[in-house]
Amino acid sequence: MLGLGDIWVALGFWLMVLSSILCVVYGIINWNKGGVTEEELKEEQEWAKAEEEVEETL
């Protein structure tokens, strides 16, 4: 089996190749998906504002 000697070594090799291919396909599919939405950005700003208020009271 490709001169790898043992079935477990060959299995590990093929699983590594398969996982690499799957990672590339996943990256291509999700290449231009949106990042942070406006709602998430507003929520982060509210958290930061609340955190500043808490720090000021301490």
Protein backbone atom coordinates (compact mmCIF):
# COMPACT_ATOMS: atom_id res chain seq x y z
CA MET A 1 0.00 0.00 0.00
CA LEU A 2 2.14 2.85 -1.36
CA GLY A 3 5.19 1.29 0.29
CA LEU A 4 4.07 2.44 3.74
CA GLY A 5 4.44 -1.02 5.25
CA ASP A 6 1.63 -1.14 7.79
CA ILE A 7 -2.09 -0.60 7.32
CA TRP A 8 -2.19 1.84 10.26
CA VAL A 9 0.51 4.02 8.75
CA ALA A 10 -1.32 4.03 5.42
CA LEU A 11 -4.59 4.84 7.20
CA GLY A 12 -2.96 7.74 9.04
CA PHE A 13 -1.50 9.02 5.76
CA TRP A 14 -4.85 8.90 3.95
CA LEU A 15 -6.70 10.50 6.86
CA MET A 16 -4.17 13.34 6.86
CA VAL A 17 -4.65 13.88 3.12
CA LEU A 18 -8.44 13.74 3.49
CA SER A 19 -8.45 16.20 6.39
CA SER A 20 -6.28 18.61 4.40
CA ILE A 21 -8.67 18.46 1.46
CA LEU A 22 -11.66 19.01 3.74
CA CYS A 23 -9.98 22.02 5.35
CA VAL A 24 -9.32 23.59 1.95
CA VAL A 25 -12.91 22.98 0.83
CA TYR A 26 -14.26 24.47 4.07
CA GLY A 27 -12.03 27.52 3.61
CA ILE A 28 -13.20 28.03 0.04
CA ILE A 29 -16.87 27.74 1.04
CA ASN A 30 -16.54 30.19 3.94
CA TRP A 31 -14.07 32.58 2.28
CA ASN A 32 -16.22 35.72 2.11
CA LYS A 33 -18.78 35.10 4.80
CA GLY A 34 -19.62 38.14 6.86
CA GLY A 35 -17.69 39.01 9.95
CA VAL A 36 -19.21 41.05 12.75
CA THR A 37 -22.78 42.18 12.17
CA GLU A 38 -24.09 45.59 13.20
CA GLU A 39 -26.07 44.01 16.04
CA GLU A 40 -22.95 42.34 17.43
CA LEU A 41 -21.03 45.60 17.12
CA LYS A 42 -23.75 47.50 19.02
CA GLU A 43 -23.80 44.82 21.70
CA GLU A 44 -20.02 45.05 22.12
CA GLN A 45 -20.26 48.84 22.42
CA GLU A 46 -22.96 48.50 25.09
CA TRP A 47 -20.77 46.03 27.02
CA ALA A 48 -17.82 48.40 26.81
CA LYS A 49 -19.97 51.30 28.00
CA ALA A 50 -21.32 49.27 30.93
CA GLU A 51 -17.80 48.14 31.81
CA GLU A 52 -16.55 51.73 31.85
CA GLU A 53 -19.42 52.72 34.15
CA VAL A 54 -18.58 49.90 36.53
CA GLU A 55 -14.91 50.83 36.55
CA GLU A 56 -15.77 54.45 37.28
CA THR A 57 -17.87 53.46 40.30
CA LEU A 58 -15.02 51.40 41.74
